[in-house]
Every structure is written in structure tokens, then in C-alpha cells.
Amino acid sequence: VISNDFDVRMKLLEYFKNKNFLVDYDNLNRKVIKQITEAVKSNFKYIAIYGENEDKIKIKELFNNDQDKLCELENLDTIFL
């Protein structure tokens, strides 16, 4: 989970944990590209980025060239049905 907004980050972490995803986030507030690089090294399949596209969440599948999915926090379930 990548977000500079602490409250949104905690909501996303809770959401994904409740969906049985293994989740992590960066405590060091590094640049987004550095966090993505770490996610790839750790073999995470997805990343969730909040705030890069207004107030939307981008779900990016790291090892697939599928189009990224954008949604609002309250609509996350539409992506993971």
C-alpha cells in the first residue's frame, strides 16, 4: 500500500487484510518508484497507490501488463469480486 495520507493508508491496510491479502507499506516515506521497486523485489503481486490520480486508488498488477484499475476507496469491492 502506497499513500502519504496516513488515515487512507490504514483503511487500505485494514481492507486488504480483511480480504486475506498479505500487505505491507513503507514507513520511510520514500518516493513511489522506490516503494514499487521494493514491492517487486518482495514478489508482491499487486500494489495499491492512493493519491497519484486525485482521490482515487490505483490497483496495479506488477507482473502482468493488464491495465491498471482505478477506483475510489468505497468502491474497492468492485475490483476484487
Protein backbone atom coordinates (compact mmCIF):
# COMPACT_ATOMS: atom_id res chain seq x y z
CA VAL A 1 0.00 0.00 0.00
CA ILE A 2 1.44 3.35 -1.05
CA SER A 3 -0.09 6.53 0.35
CA ASN A 4 1.13 9.68 2.04
CA ASP A 5 -2.26 10.04 3.73
CA PHE A 6 -1.94 8.07 6.99
CA ASP A 7 -5.70 7.61 7.50
CA VAL A 8 -6.26 6.29 3.98
CA ARG A 9 -3.23 4.02 4.27
CA MET A 10 -4.63 2.48 7.46
CA LYS A 11 -8.06 1.99 5.84
CA LEU A 12 -6.46 0.28 2.84
CA LEU A 13 -4.30 -1.95 5.04
CA GLU A 14 -7.34 -2.99 7.05
CA TYR A 15 -9.40 -3.59 3.90
CA PHE A 16 -6.79 -5.83 2.27
CA LYS A 17 -6.05 -7.72 5.49
CA ASN A 18 -9.77 -8.45 5.81
CA LYS A 19 -9.65 -9.85 2.25
CA ASN A 20 -6.76 -12.14 3.33
CA PHE A 21 -4.09 -10.32 1.33
CA LEU A 22 -0.56 -10.18 2.69
CA VAL A 23 0.03 -6.42 2.99
CA ASP A 24 2.92 -4.13 3.70
CA TYR A 25 3.71 -0.43 3.50
CA ASP A 26 6.76 1.79 3.63
CA ASN A 27 7.46 3.57 6.93
CA LEU A 28 10.27 5.62 5.43
CA ASN A 29 8.10 7.79 3.13
CA ARG A 30 10.34 7.08 0.16
CA LYS A 31 9.42 8.06 -3.38
CA VAL A 32 6.74 5.99 -5.10
CA ILE A 33 9.16 4.43 -7.60
CA LYS A 34 11.40 3.24 -4.74
CA GLN A 35 8.40 1.67 -2.99
CA ILE A 36 7.32 -0.06 -6.21
CA THR A 37 10.85 -1.41 -6.65
CA GLU A 38 10.76 -2.84 -3.13
CA ALA A 39 7.35 -4.43 -3.80
CA VAL A 40 8.73 -6.11 -6.93
CA LYS A 41 11.81 -7.38 -5.03
CA SER A 42 9.48 -8.79 -2.36
CA ASN A 43 7.40 -10.57 -5.04
CA PHE A 44 4.15 -8.80 -4.24
CA LYS A 45 1.59 -9.36 -6.99
CA TYR A 46 -0.33 -6.09 -6.56
CA ILE A 47 0.27 -2.60 -5.27
CA ALA A 48 -2.36 -0.08 -4.25
CA ILE A 49 -1.41 3.57 -4.74
CA TYR A 50 -3.58 6.32 -3.29
CA GLY A 51 -3.40 9.98 -4.25
CA GLU A 52 -1.49 9.72 -7.53
CA ASN A 53 -4.73 10.19 -9.51
CA GLU A 54 -6.71 12.72 -7.48
CA ASP A 55 -8.52 10.90 -4.65
CA LYS A 56 -8.55 7.53 -6.38
CA ILE A 57 -6.79 4.29 -5.67
CA LYS A 58 -4.77 2.68 -8.44
CA ILE A 59 -4.50 -1.09 -8.27
CA LYS A 60 -1.50 -2.21 -10.27
CA GLU A 61 -0.67 -5.83 -11.04
CA LEU A 62 3.12 -5.94 -11.00
CA PHE A 63 3.90 -8.98 -13.14
CA ASN A 64 1.19 -8.55 -15.76
CA ASN A 65 0.69 -5.94 -18.45
CA ASP A 66 -3.03 -5.61 -17.78
CA GLN A 67 -4.37 -2.10 -17.50
CA ASP A 68 -4.24 -0.58 -14.02
CA LYS A 69 -7.59 -0.28 -12.26
CA LEU A 70 -8.75 2.99 -10.71
CA CYS A 71 -11.44 3.27 -8.08
CA GLU A 72 -12.49 5.21 -5.03
CA LEU A 73 -11.96 3.81 -1.54
CA GLU A 74 -15.63 2.94 -1.07
CA ASN A 75 -15.70 1.07 -4.41
CA LEU A 76 -12.77 -1.29 -3.86
CA ASP A 77 -15.07 -4.30 -3.72
CA THR A 78 -15.93 -3.82 -7.39
CA ILE A 79 -12.34 -4.71 -8.30
CA PHE A 80 -12.00 -7.78 -6.07
CA LEU A 81 -15.32 -9.51 -6.63
